[in-house]
Amino acid sequence: MRLTAQKAHLLAPEADSGALRTMSGSLTTFSADEVGLWEAGPGKDTDTEVDEVFVVLAGAGTVTFVDESTLRLCPGVAVRLYAGDRTRWNVTHRLRKLYLA
């Protein structure tokens, strides 16, 4: 069994897409999926999602869907997003999540 480790401070900035500064780093792949860390905010942004499951590690905010349903994001919250979901993100405290996409 081979174990690997990545330090969170190795996150690299993503392309500047506006008000919400984000960073991400791939930790590994699992089958055809990617496991990684993502950071953002504070700030607001809109997105079209990919299939993803994530757990919030730190920070706070909300993600709102087209039907106006809203999820409160805080440490320990697990979220399932589906490809094509349109979302609005409002990150009030720098958010860090561990994701599988």
PDB file of N, CA and C in Angstrom:
ATOM      1  N   MET A   1       0.846  -1.176   0.000  1.00  0.00           N
ATOM      2  CA  MET A   1       0.000   0.000   0.000  1.00  0.00           C
ATOM      3  C   MET A   1       0.890   1.236   0.000  1.00  0.00           C
ATOM      4  N   ARG A   2       0.629   2.164  -0.917  1.00  0.00           N
ATOM      5  CA  ARG A   2       1.417   3.383  -1.010  1.00  0.00           C
ATOM      6  C   ARG A   2       0.613   4.568  -0.500  1.00  0.00           C
ATOM      7  N   LEU A   3       1.186   5.340   0.404  1.00  0.00           N
ATOM      8  CA  LEU A   3       0.530   6.533   0.929  1.00  0.00           C
ATOM      9  C   LEU A   3       1.258   7.753   0.401  1.00  0.00           C
ATOM     10  N   THR A   4       0.510   8.790   0.087  1.00  0.00           N
ATOM     11  CA  THR A   4       1.112  10.051  -0.333  1.00  0.00           C
ATOM     12  C   THR A   4       0.499  11.172   0.486  1.00  0.00           C
ATOM     13  N   ALA A   5       1.224  12.242   0.626  1.00  0.00           N
ATOM     14  CA  ALA A   5       0.716  13.390   1.376  1.00  0.00           C
ATOM     15  C   ALA A   5       0.992  14.661   0.597  1.00  0.00           C
ATOM     16  N   GLN A   6       0.082  15.593   0.680  1.00  0.00           N
ATOM     17  CA  GLN A   6       0.230  16.912   0.071  1.00  0.00           C
ATOM     18  C   GLN A   6      -0.051  17.939   1.148  1.00  0.00           C
ATOM     19  N   LYS A   7       0.743  18.973   1.218  1.00  0.00           N
ATOM     20  CA  LYS A   7       0.503  20.032   2.196  1.00  0.00           C
ATOM     21  C   LYS A   7      -0.442  21.066   1.615  1.00  0.00           C
ATOM     22  N   ALA A   8      -1.381  21.515   2.434  1.00  0.00           N
ATOM     23  CA  ALA A   8      -2.400  22.453   1.982  1.00  0.00           C
ATOM     24  C   ALA A   8      -1.808  23.763   1.501  1.00  0.00           C
ATOM     25  N   HIS A   9      -0.656  24.169   2.015  1.00  0.00           N
ATOM     26  CA  HIS A   9      -0.096  25.453   1.599  1.00  0.00           C
ATOM     27  C   HIS A   9       0.427  25.422   0.173  1.00  0.00           C
ATOM     28  N   LEU A  10       0.364  24.279  -0.492  1.00  0.00           N
ATOM     29  CA  LEU A  10       0.807  24.176  -1.875  1.00  0.00           C
ATOM     30  C   LEU A  10      -0.308  24.481  -2.863  1.00  0.00           C
ATOM     31  N   LEU A  11      -1.446  24.976  -2.381  1.00  0.00           N
ATOM     32  CA  LEU A  11      -2.533  25.336  -3.278  1.00  0.00           C
ATOM     33  C   LEU A  11      -2.074  26.419  -4.243  1.00  0.00           C
ATOM     34  N   ALA A  12      -2.500  26.291  -5.489  1.00  0.00           N
ATOM     35  CA  ALA A  12      -2.112  27.255  -6.520  1.00  0.00           C
ATOM     36  C   ALA A  12      -3.316  28.096  -6.928  1.00  0.00           C
ATOM     37  N   PRO A  13      -3.122  29.399  -7.137  1.00  0.00           N
ATOM     38  CA  PRO A  13      -4.248  30.241  -7.543  1.00  0.00           C
ATOM     39  C   PRO A  13      -4.819  29.798  -8.882  1.00  0.00           C
ATOM     40  N   GLU A  14      -6.158  29.808  -8.998  1.00  0.00           N
ATOM     41  CA  GLU A  14      -6.822  29.543 -10.266  1.00  0.00           C
ATOM     42  C   GLU A  14      -6.889  30.853 -11.045  1.00  0.00           C
ATOM     43  N   ALA A  15      -7.307  30.775 -12.308  1.00  0.00           N
ATOM     44  CA  ALA A  15      -7.454  31.971 -13.127  1.00  0.00           C
ATOM     45  C   ALA A  15      -8.381  32.950 -12.429  1.00  0.00           C
ATOM     46  N   ASP A  16      -8.032  34.229 -12.497  1.00  0.00           N
ATOM     47  CA  ASP A  16      -8.843  35.264 -11.847  1.00  0.00           C
ATOM     48  C   ASP A  16     -10.165  35.388 -12.589  1.00  0.00           C
ATOM     49  N   SER A  17     -11.265  34.953 -11.946  1.00  0.00           N
ATOM     50  CA  SER A  17     -12.575  34.981 -12.587  1.00  0.00           C
ATOM     51  C   SER A  17     -13.456  36.090 -12.035  1.00  0.00           C
ATOM     52  N   GLY A  18     -12.893  37.011 -11.269  1.00  0.00           N
ATOM     53  CA  GLY A  18     -13.704  38.099 -10.746  1.00  0.00           C
ATOM     54  C   GLY A  18     -13.502  38.295  -9.271  1.00  0.00           C
ATOM     55  N   ALA A  19     -14.599  38.547  -8.565  1.00  0.00           N
ATOM     56  CA  ALA A  19     -14.545  38.958  -7.170  1.00  0.00           C
ATOM     57  C   ALA A  19     -14.094  37.860  -6.223  1.00  0.00           C
ATOM     58  N   LEU A  20     -14.318  36.596  -6.562  1.00  0.00           N
ATOM     59  CA  LEU A  20     -14.038  35.503  -5.645  1.00  0.00           C
ATOM     60  C   LEU A  20     -12.704  34.855  -6.006  1.00  0.00           C
ATOM     61  N   ARG A  21     -11.644  35.170  -5.244  1.00  0.00           N
ATOM     62  CA  ARG A  21     -10.330  34.563  -5.476  1.00  0.00           C
ATOM     63  C   ARG A  21     -10.359  33.124  -5.001  1.00  0.00           C
ATOM     64  N   THR A  22      -9.959  32.216  -5.858  1.00  0.00           N
ATOM     65  CA  THR A  22      -9.965  30.810  -5.500  1.00  0.00           C
ATOM     66  C   THR A  22      -8.579  30.210  -5.665  1.00  0.00           C
ATOM     67  N   MET A  23      -8.348  29.102  -4.953  1.00  0.00           N
ATOM     68  CA  MET A  23      -7.114  28.334  -5.080  1.00  0.00           C
ATOM     69  C   MET A  23      -7.509  26.872  -5.036  1.00  0.00           C
ATOM     70  N   SER A  24      -6.764  26.032  -5.752  1.00  0.00           N
ATOM     71  CA  SER A  24      -7.049  24.609  -5.676  1.00  0.00           C
ATOM     72  C   SER A  24      -5.775  23.813  -5.893  1.00  0.00           C
ATOM     73  N   GLY A  25      -5.799  22.588  -5.433  1.00  0.00           N
ATOM     74  CA  GLY A  25      -4.673  21.691  -5.622  1.00  0.00           C
ATOM     75  C   GLY A  25      -5.161  20.262  -5.638  1.00  0.00           C
ATOM     76  N   SER A  26      -4.797  19.528  -6.671  1.00  0.00           N
ATOM     77  CA  SER A  26      -5.180  18.135  -6.776  1.00  0.00           C
ATOM     78  C   SER A  26      -4.314  17.306  -5.840  1.00  0.00           C
ATOM     79  N   LEU A  27      -4.936  16.463  -5.052  1.00  0.00           N
ATOM     80  CA  LEU A  27      -4.209  15.583  -4.149  1.00  0.00           C
ATOM     81  C   LEU A  27      -3.908  14.245  -4.806  1.00  0.00           C
ATOM     82  N   THR A  28      -4.893  13.731  -5.550  1.00  0.00           N
ATOM     83  CA  THR A  28      -4.738  12.427  -6.189  1.00  0.00           C
ATOM     84  C   THR A  28      -5.901  12.220  -7.141  1.00  0.00           C
ATOM     85  N   THR A  29      -5.902  11.124  -7.855  1.00  0.00           N
ATOM     86  CA  THR A  29      -7.065  10.725  -8.638  1.00  0.00           C
ATOM     87  C   THR A  29      -7.594   9.419  -8.053  1.00  0.00           C
ATOM     88  N   PHE A  30      -8.883   9.195  -8.245  1.00  0.00           N
ATOM     89  CA  PHE A  30      -9.544   7.996  -7.757  1.00  0.00           C
ATOM     90  C   PHE A  30     -10.382   7.502  -8.919  1.00  0.00           C
ATOM     91  N   SER A  31      -9.961   6.410  -9.557  1.00  0.00           N
ATOM     92  CA  SER A  31     -10.529   5.996 -10.838  1.00  0.00           C
ATOM     93  C   SER A  31     -10.334   7.176 -11.789  1.00  0.00           C
ATOM     94  N   ALA A  32     -11.427   7.691 -12.340  1.00  0.00           N
ATOM     95  CA  ALA A  32     -11.318   8.835 -13.242  1.00  0.00           C
ATOM     96  C   ALA A  32     -11.598  10.149 -12.521  1.00  0.00           C
ATOM     97  N   ASP A  33     -11.778  10.107 -11.209  1.00  0.00           N
ATOM     98  CA  ASP A  33     -12.131  11.291 -10.432  1.00  0.00           C
ATOM     99  C   ASP A  33     -10.900  11.940  -9.817  1.00  0.00           C
ATOM    100  N   GLU A  34     -11.040  13.196  -9.480  1.00  0.00           N
ATOM    101  CA  GLU A  34      -9.971  13.963  -8.837  1.00  0.00           C
ATOM    102  C   GLU A  34     -10.346  14.246  -7.393  1.00  0.00           C
ATOM    103  N   VAL A  35      -9.382  14.106  -6.505  1.00  0.00           N
ATOM    104  CA  VAL A  35      -9.540  14.469  -5.100  1.00  0.00           C
ATOM    105  C   VAL A  35      -8.630  15.661  -4.865  1.00  0.00           C
ATOM    106  N   GLY A  36      -9.159  16.720  -4.258  1.00  0.00           N
ATOM    107  CA  GLY A  36      -8.317  17.892  -4.056  1.00  0.00           C
ATOM    108  C   GLY A  36      -8.849  18.834  -2.998  1.00  0.00           C
ATOM    109  N   LEU A  37      -8.082  19.895  -2.795  1.00  0.00           N
ATOM    110  CA  LEU A  37      -8.465  20.976  -1.886  1.00  0.00           C
ATOM    111  C   LEU A  37      -8.795  22.201  -2.713  1.00  0.00           C
ATOM    112  N   TRP A  38      -9.761  22.984  -2.236  1.00  0.00           N
ATOM    113  CA  TRP A  38     -10.184  24.214  -2.906  1.00  0.00           C
ATOM    114  C   TRP A  38     -10.405  25.267  -1.849  1.00  0.00           C
ATOM    115  N   GLU A  39      -9.948  26.484  -2.131  1.00  0.00           N
ATOM    116  CA  GLU A  39     -10.163  27.623  -1.238  1.00  0.00           C
ATOM    117  C   GLU A  39     -10.746  28.772  -2.027  1.00  0.00           C
ATOM    118  N   ALA A  40     -11.545  29.579  -1.361  1.00  0.00           N
ATOM    119  CA  ALA A  40     -12.112  30.750  -2.018  1.00  0.00           C
ATOM    120  C   ALA A  40     -12.523  31.792  -1.004  1.00  0.00           C
ATOM    121  N   GLY A  41     -12.500  33.042  -1.469  1.00  0.00           N
ATOM    122  CA  GLY A  41     -13.123  34.122  -0.739  1.00  0.00           C
ATOM    123  C   GLY A  41     -12.243  34.874   0.232  1.00  0.00           C
ATOM    124  N   PRO A  42     -12.935  35.759   0.913  1.00  0.00           N
ATOM    125  CA  PRO A  42     -14.362  36.044   0.823  1.00  0.00           C
ATOM    126  C   PRO A  42     -14.721  36.730  -0.500  1.00  0.00           C
ATOM    127  N   GLY A  43     -16.008  36.630  -0.858  1.00  0.00           N
ATOM    128  CA  GLY A  43     -16.494  37.232  -2.082  1.00  0.00           C
ATOM    129  C   GLY A  43     -17.706  36.502  -2.611  1.00  0.00           C
ATOM    130  N   LYS A  44     -18.164  36.937  -3.801  1.00  0.00           N
ATOM    131  CA  LYS A  44     -19.343  36.361  -4.445  1.00  0.00           C
ATOM    132  C   LYS A  44     -18.987  35.963  -5.865  1.00  0.00           C
ATOM    133  N   ASP A  45     -19.653  34.899  -6.359  1.00  0.00           N
ATOM    134  CA  ASP A  45     -19.418  34.434  -7.718  1.00  0.00           C
ATOM    135  C   ASP A  45     -20.573  33.537  -8.143  1.00  0.00           C
ATOM    136  N   THR A  46     -20.696  33.300  -9.445  1.00  0.00           N
ATOM    137  CA  THR A  46     -21.644  32.328  -9.975  1.00  0.00           C
ATOM    138  C   THR A  46     -20.843  31.242 -10.674  1.00  0.00           C
ATOM    139  N   ASP A  47     -21.442  30.048 -10.792  1.00  0.00           N
ATOM    140  CA  ASP A  47     -20.714  28.929 -11.384  1.00  0.00           C
ATOM    141  C   ASP A  47     -21.691  27.947 -12.011  1.00  0.00           C
ATOM    142  N   THR A  48     -21.196  27.193 -12.986  1.00  0.00           N
ATOM    143  CA  THR A  48     -21.881  26.015 -13.495  1.00  0.00           C
ATOM    144  C   THR A  48     -21.060  24.839 -13.008  1.00  0.00           C
ATOM    145  N   GLU A  49     -21.679  23.974 -12.227  1.00  0.00           N
ATOM    146  CA  GLU A  49     -20.949  22.934 -11.507  1.00  0.00           C
ATOM    147  C   GLU A  49     -20.662  21.695 -12.342  1.00  0.00           C
ATOM    148  N   VAL A  50     -19.714  20.911 -11.851  1.00  0.00           N
ATOM    149  CA  VAL A  50     -19.434  19.569 -12.344  1.00  0.00           C
ATOM    150  C   VAL A  50     -19.933  18.594 -11.281  1.00  0.00           C
ATOM    151  N   ASP A  51     -20.000  17.286 -11.616  1.00  0.00           N
ATOM    152  CA  ASP A  51     -20.340  16.299 -10.589  1.00  0.00           C
ATOM    153  C   ASP A  51     -19.291  16.362  -9.495  1.00  0.00           C
ATOM    154  N   GLU A  52     -19.736  16.582  -8.262  1.00  0.00           N
ATOM    155  CA  GLU A  52     -18.786  16.785  -7.161  1.00  0.00           C
ATOM    156  C   GLU A  52     -19.440  16.468  -5.820  1.00  0.00           C
ATOM    157  N   VAL A  53     -18.632  15.930  -4.942  1.00  0.00           N
ATOM    158  CA  VAL A  53     -18.982  15.789  -3.529  1.00  0.00           C
ATOM    159  C   VAL A  53     -17.885  16.499  -2.765  1.00  0.00           C
ATOM    160  N   PHE A  54     -18.260  17.326  -1.784  1.00  0.00           N
ATOM    161  CA  PHE A  54     -17.228  17.994  -0.993  1.00  0.00           C
ATOM    162  C   PHE A  54     -17.640  18.105   0.461  1.00  0.00           C
ATOM    163  N   VAL A  55     -16.624  18.275   1.306  1.00  0.00           N
ATOM    164  CA  VAL A  55     -16.815  18.517   2.733  1.00  0.00           C
ATOM    165  C   VAL A  55     -16.113  19.829   3.062  1.00  0.00           C
ATOM    166  N   VAL A  56     -16.813  20.727   3.715  1.00  0.00           N
ATOM    167  CA  VAL A  56     -16.237  22.001   4.123  1.00  0.00           C
ATOM    168  C   VAL A  56     -15.297  21.758   5.308  1.00  0.00           C
ATOM    169  N   LEU A  57     -14.054  22.206   5.178  1.00  0.00           N
ATOM    170  CA  LEU A  57     -13.068  22.057   6.247  1.00  0.00           C
ATOM    171  C   LEU A  57     -12.964  23.308   7.115  1.00  0.00           C
ATOM    172  N   ALA A  58     -13.150  24.472   6.506  1.00  0.00           N
ATOM    173  CA  ALA A  58     -13.017  25.742   7.238  1.00  0.00           C
ATOM    174  C   ALA A  58     -13.784  26.818   6.489  1.00  0.00           C
ATOM    175  N   GLY A  59     -14.154  27.863   7.225  1.00  0.00           N
ATOM    176  CA  GLY A  59     -14.794  29.013   6.610  1.00  0.00           C
ATOM    177  C   GLY A  59     -16.305  28.980   6.723  1.00  0.00           C
ATOM    178  N   ALA A  60     -16.937  29.921   5.998  1.00  0.00           N
ATOM    179  CA  ALA A  60     -18.395  30.032   6.058  1.00  0.00           C
ATOM    180  C   ALA A  60     -18.913  30.748   4.823  1.00  0.00           C
ATOM    181  N   GLY A  61     -20.168  30.468   4.512  1.00  0.00           N
ATOM    182  CA  GLY A  61     -20.833  31.114   3.393  1.00  0.00           C
ATOM    183  C   GLY A  61     -22.091  30.368   3.035  1.00  0.00           C
ATOM    184  N   THR A  62     -22.602  30.652   1.837  1.00  0.00           N
ATOM    185  CA  THR A  62     -23.784  29.959   1.329  1.00  0.00           C
ATOM    186  C   THR A  62     -23.571  29.652  -0.145  1.00  0.00           C
ATOM    187  N   VAL A  63     -24.285  28.641  -0.619  1.00  0.00           N
ATOM    188  CA  VAL A  63     -24.392  28.364  -2.049  1.00  0.00           C
ATOM    189  C   VAL A  63     -25.883  28.287  -2.350  1.00  0.00           C
ATOM    190  N   THR A  64     -26.318  29.062  -3.356  1.00  0.00           N
ATOM    191  CA  THR A  64     -27.729  29.147  -3.719  1.00  0.00           C
ATOM    192  C   THR A  64     -27.913  28.598  -5.130  1.00  0.00           C
ATOM    193  N   PHE A  65     -28.969  27.799  -5.306  1.00  0.00           N
ATOM    194  CA  PHE A  65     -29.259  27.168  -6.586  1.00  0.00           C
ATOM    195  C   PHE A  65     -30.313  27.969  -7.349  1.00  0.00           C
ATOM    196  N   VAL A  66     -30.522  27.631  -8.625  1.00  0.00           N
ATOM    197  CA  VAL A  66     -31.471  28.345  -9.486  1.00  0.00           C
ATOM    198  C   VAL A  66     -32.866  28.384  -8.878  1.00  0.00           C
ATOM    199  N   ASP A  67     -33.274  27.326  -8.179  1.00  0.00           N
ATOM    200  CA  ASP A  67     -34.615  27.295  -7.564  1.00  0.00           C
ATOM    201  C   ASP A  67     -34.681  28.102  -6.266  1.00  0.00           C
ATOM    202  N   GLU A  68     -33.580  28.819  -5.951  1.00  0.00           N
ATOM    203  CA  GLU A  68     -33.445  29.668  -4.759  1.00  0.00           C
ATOM    204  C   GLU A  68     -33.260  28.879  -3.465  1.00  0.00           C
ATOM    205  N   SER A  69     -33.117  27.553  -3.527  1.00  0.00           N
ATOM    206  CA  SER A  69     -32.751  26.810  -2.321  1.00  0.00           C
ATOM    207  C   SER A  69     -31.312  27.162  -1.974  1.00  0.00           C
ATOM    208  N   THR A  70     -31.025  27.266  -0.694  1.00  0.00           N
ATOM    209  CA  THR A  70     -29.718  27.719  -0.227  1.00  0.00           C
ATOM    210  C   THR A  70     -29.164  26.757   0.807  1.00  0.00           C
ATOM    211  N   LEU A  71     -27.875  26.455   0.682  1.00  0.00           N
ATOM    212  CA  LEU A  71     -27.177  25.645   1.670  1.00  0.00           C
ATOM    213  C   LEU A  71     -26.221  26.536   2.448  1.00  0.00           C
ATOM    214  N   ARG A  72     -26.240  26.407   3.764  1.00  0.00           N
ATOM    215  CA  ARG A  72     -25.293  27.120   4.622  1.00  0.00           C
ATOM    216  C   ARG A  72     -24.015  26.295   4.681  1.00  0.00           C
ATOM    217  N   LEU A  73     -22.898  26.915   4.387  1.00  0.00           N
ATOM    218  CA  LEU A  73     -21.606  26.244   4.378  1.00  0.00           C
ATOM    219  C   LEU A  73     -20.819  26.596   5.632  1.00  0.00           C
ATOM    220  N   CYS A  74     -20.388  25.570   6.356  1.00  0.00           N
ATOM    221  CA  CYS A  74     -19.551  25.729   7.538  1.00  0.00           C
ATOM    222  C   CYS A  74     -18.812  24.406   7.741  1.00  0.00           C
ATOM    223  N   PRO A  75     -17.776  24.385   8.574  1.00  0.00           N
ATOM    224  CA  PRO A  75     -17.002  23.157   8.751  1.00  0.00           C
ATOM    225  C   PRO A  75     -17.881  21.948   9.089  1.00  0.00           C
ATOM    226  N   GLY A  76     -17.612  20.845   8.374  1.00  0.00           N
ATOM    227  CA  GLY A  76     -18.329  19.606   8.598  1.00  0.00           C
ATOM    228  C   GLY A  76     -19.492  19.361   7.660  1.00  0.00           C
ATOM    229  N   VAL A  77     -19.940  20.384   6.929  1.00  0.00           N
ATOM    230  CA  VAL A  77     -21.059  20.221   6.009  1.00  0.00           C
ATOM    231  C   VAL A  77     -20.581  19.481   4.755  1.00  0.00           C
ATOM    232  N   ALA A  78     -21.335  18.450   4.358  1.00  0.00           N
ATOM    233  CA  ALA A  78     -21.056  17.696   3.132  1.00  0.00           C
ATOM    234  C   ALA A  78     -22.096  18.078   2.082  1.00  0.00           C
ATOM    235  N   VAL A  79     -21.648  18.268   0.837  1.00  0.00           N
ATOM    236  CA  VAL A  79     -22.525  18.733  -0.237  1.00  0.00           C
ATOM    237  C   VAL A  79     -22.311  17.868  -1.475  1.00  0.00           C
ATOM    238  N   ARG A  80     -23.413  17.578  -2.176  1.00  0.00           N
ATOM    239  CA  ARG A  80     -23.356  16.886  -3.457  1.00  0.00           C
ATOM    240  C   ARG A  80     -23.834  17.853  -4.518  1.00  0.00           C
ATOM    241  N   LEU A  81     -22.995  18.141  -5.526  1.00  0.00           N
ATOM    242  CA  LEU A  81     -23.368  18.976  -6.661  1.00  0.00           C
ATOM    243  C   LEU A  81     -23.456  18.095  -7.898  1.00  0.00           C
ATOM    244  N   TYR A  82     -24.334  18.457  -8.823  1.00  0.00           N
ATOM    245  CA  TYR A  82     -24.519  17.703 -10.052  1.00  0.00           C
ATOM    246  C   TYR A  82     -24.059  18.530 -11.249  1.00  0.00           C
ATOM    247  N   ALA A  83     -23.520  17.857 -12.245  1.00  0.00           N
ATOM    248  CA  ALA A  83     -23.068  18.545 -13.453  1.00  0.00           C
ATOM    249  C   ALA A  83     -24.203  19.385 -14.024  1.00  0.00           C
ATOM    250  N   GLY A  84     -23.898  20.637 -14.323  1.00  0.00           N
ATOM    251  CA  GLY A  84     -24.885  21.549 -14.890  1.00  0.00           C
ATOM    252  C   GLY A  84     -25.618  22.402 -13.878  1.00  0.00           C
ATOM    253  N   ASP A  85     -25.538  22.067 -12.573  1.00  0.00           N
ATOM    254  CA  ASP A  85     -26.152  22.925 -11.553  1.00  0.00           C
ATOM    255  C   ASP A  85     -25.621  24.344 -11.714  1.00  0.00           C
ATOM    256  N   ARG A  86     -26.515  25.324 -11.698  1.00  0.00           N
ATOM    257  CA  ARG A  86     -26.119  26.733 -11.705  1.00  0.00           C
ATOM    258  C   ARG A  86     -26.182  27.219 -10.273  1.00  0.00           C
ATOM    259  N   THR A  87     -25.101  27.812  -9.784  1.00  0.00           N
ATOM    260  CA  THR A  87     -25.024  28.212  -8.384  1.00  0.00           C
ATOM    261  C   THR A  87     -24.517  29.640  -8.232  1.00  0.00           C
ATOM    262  N   ARG A  88     -24.904  30.239  -7.095  1.00  0.00           N
ATOM    263  CA  ARG A  88     -24.360  31.533  -6.656  1.00  0.00           C
ATOM    264  C   ARG A  88     -23.681  31.282  -5.319  1.00  0.00           C
ATOM    265  N   TRP A  89     -22.429  31.652  -5.232  1.00  0.00           N
ATOM    266  CA  TRP A  89     -21.647  31.467  -4.014  1.00  0.00           C
ATOM    267  C   TRP A  89     -21.480  32.802  -3.307  1.00  0.00           C
ATOM    268  N   ASN A  90     -21.702  32.812  -1.995  1.00  0.00           N
ATOM    269  CA  ASN A  90     -21.440  33.980  -1.163  1.00  0.00           C
ATOM    270  C   ASN A  90     -20.556  33.497  -0.011  1.00  0.00           C
ATOM    271  N   VAL A  91     -19.273  33.723  -0.136  1.00  0.00           N
ATOM    272  CA  VAL A  91     -18.307  33.260   0.863  1.00  0.00           C
ATOM    273  C   VAL A  91     -18.016  34.419   1.804  1.00  0.00           C
ATOM    274  N   THR A  92     -18.407  34.270   3.073  1.00  0.00           N
ATOM    275  CA  THR A  92     -18.231  35.342   4.048  1.00  0.00           C
ATOM    276  C   THR A  92     -16.914  35.229   4.819  1.00  0.00           C
ATOM    277  N   HIS A  93     -16.429  34.002   4.989  1.00  0.00           N
ATOM    278  CA  HIS A  93     -15.128  33.747   5.634  1.00  0.00           C
ATOM    279  C   HIS A  93     -14.396  32.734   4.770  1.00  0.00           C
ATOM    280  N   ARG A  94     -13.153  33.007   4.433  1.00  0.00           N
ATOM    281  CA  ARG A  94     -12.389  32.161   3.510  1.00  0.00           C
ATOM    282  C   ARG A  94     -12.753  30.688   3.680  1.00  0.00           C
ATOM    283  N   LEU A  95     -13.216  30.077   2.582  1.00  0.00           N
ATOM    284  CA  LEU A  95     -13.746  28.718   2.588  1.00  0.00           C
ATOM    285  C   LEU A  95     -12.691  27.748   2.073  1.00  0.00           C
ATOM    286  N   ARG A  96     -12.562  26.622   2.754  1.00  0.00           N
ATOM    287  CA  ARG A  96     -11.691  25.546   2.281  1.00  0.00           C
ATOM    288  C   ARG A  96     -12.509  24.266   2.285  1.00  0.00           C
ATOM    289  N   LYS A  97     -12.438  23.524   1.164  1.00  0.00           N
ATOM    290  CA  LYS A  97     -13.177  22.277   1.069  1.00  0.00           C
ATOM    291  C   LYS A  97     -12.277  21.178   0.499  1.00  0.00           C
ATOM    292  N   LEU A  98     -12.589  19.962   0.886  1.00  0.00           N
ATOM    293  CA  LEU A  98     -11.962  18.758   0.329  1.00  0.00           C
ATOM    294  C   LEU A  98     -12.996  18.200  -0.640  1.00  0.00           C
ATOM    295  N   TYR A  99     -12.606  18.004  -1.909  1.00  0.00           N
ATOM    296  CA  TYR A  99     -13.590  17.599  -2.905  1.00  0.00           C
ATOM    297  C   TYR A  99     -13.196  16.326  -3.653  1.00  0.00           C
ATOM    298  N   LEU A 100     -14.205  15.659  -4.192  1.00  0.00           N
ATOM    299  CA  LEU A 100     -14.071  14.545  -5.123  1.00  0.00           C
ATOM    300  C   LEU A 100     -14.914  14.941  -6.330  1.00  0.00           C
ATOM    301  N   ALA A 101     -14.271  15.097  -7.479  1.00  0.00           N
ATOM    302  CA  ALA A 101     -14.986  15.550  -8.698  1.00  0.00           C
ATOM    303  C   ALA A 101     -14.544  14.741  -9.901  1.00  0.00           C
TER     304      ALA A 101
END
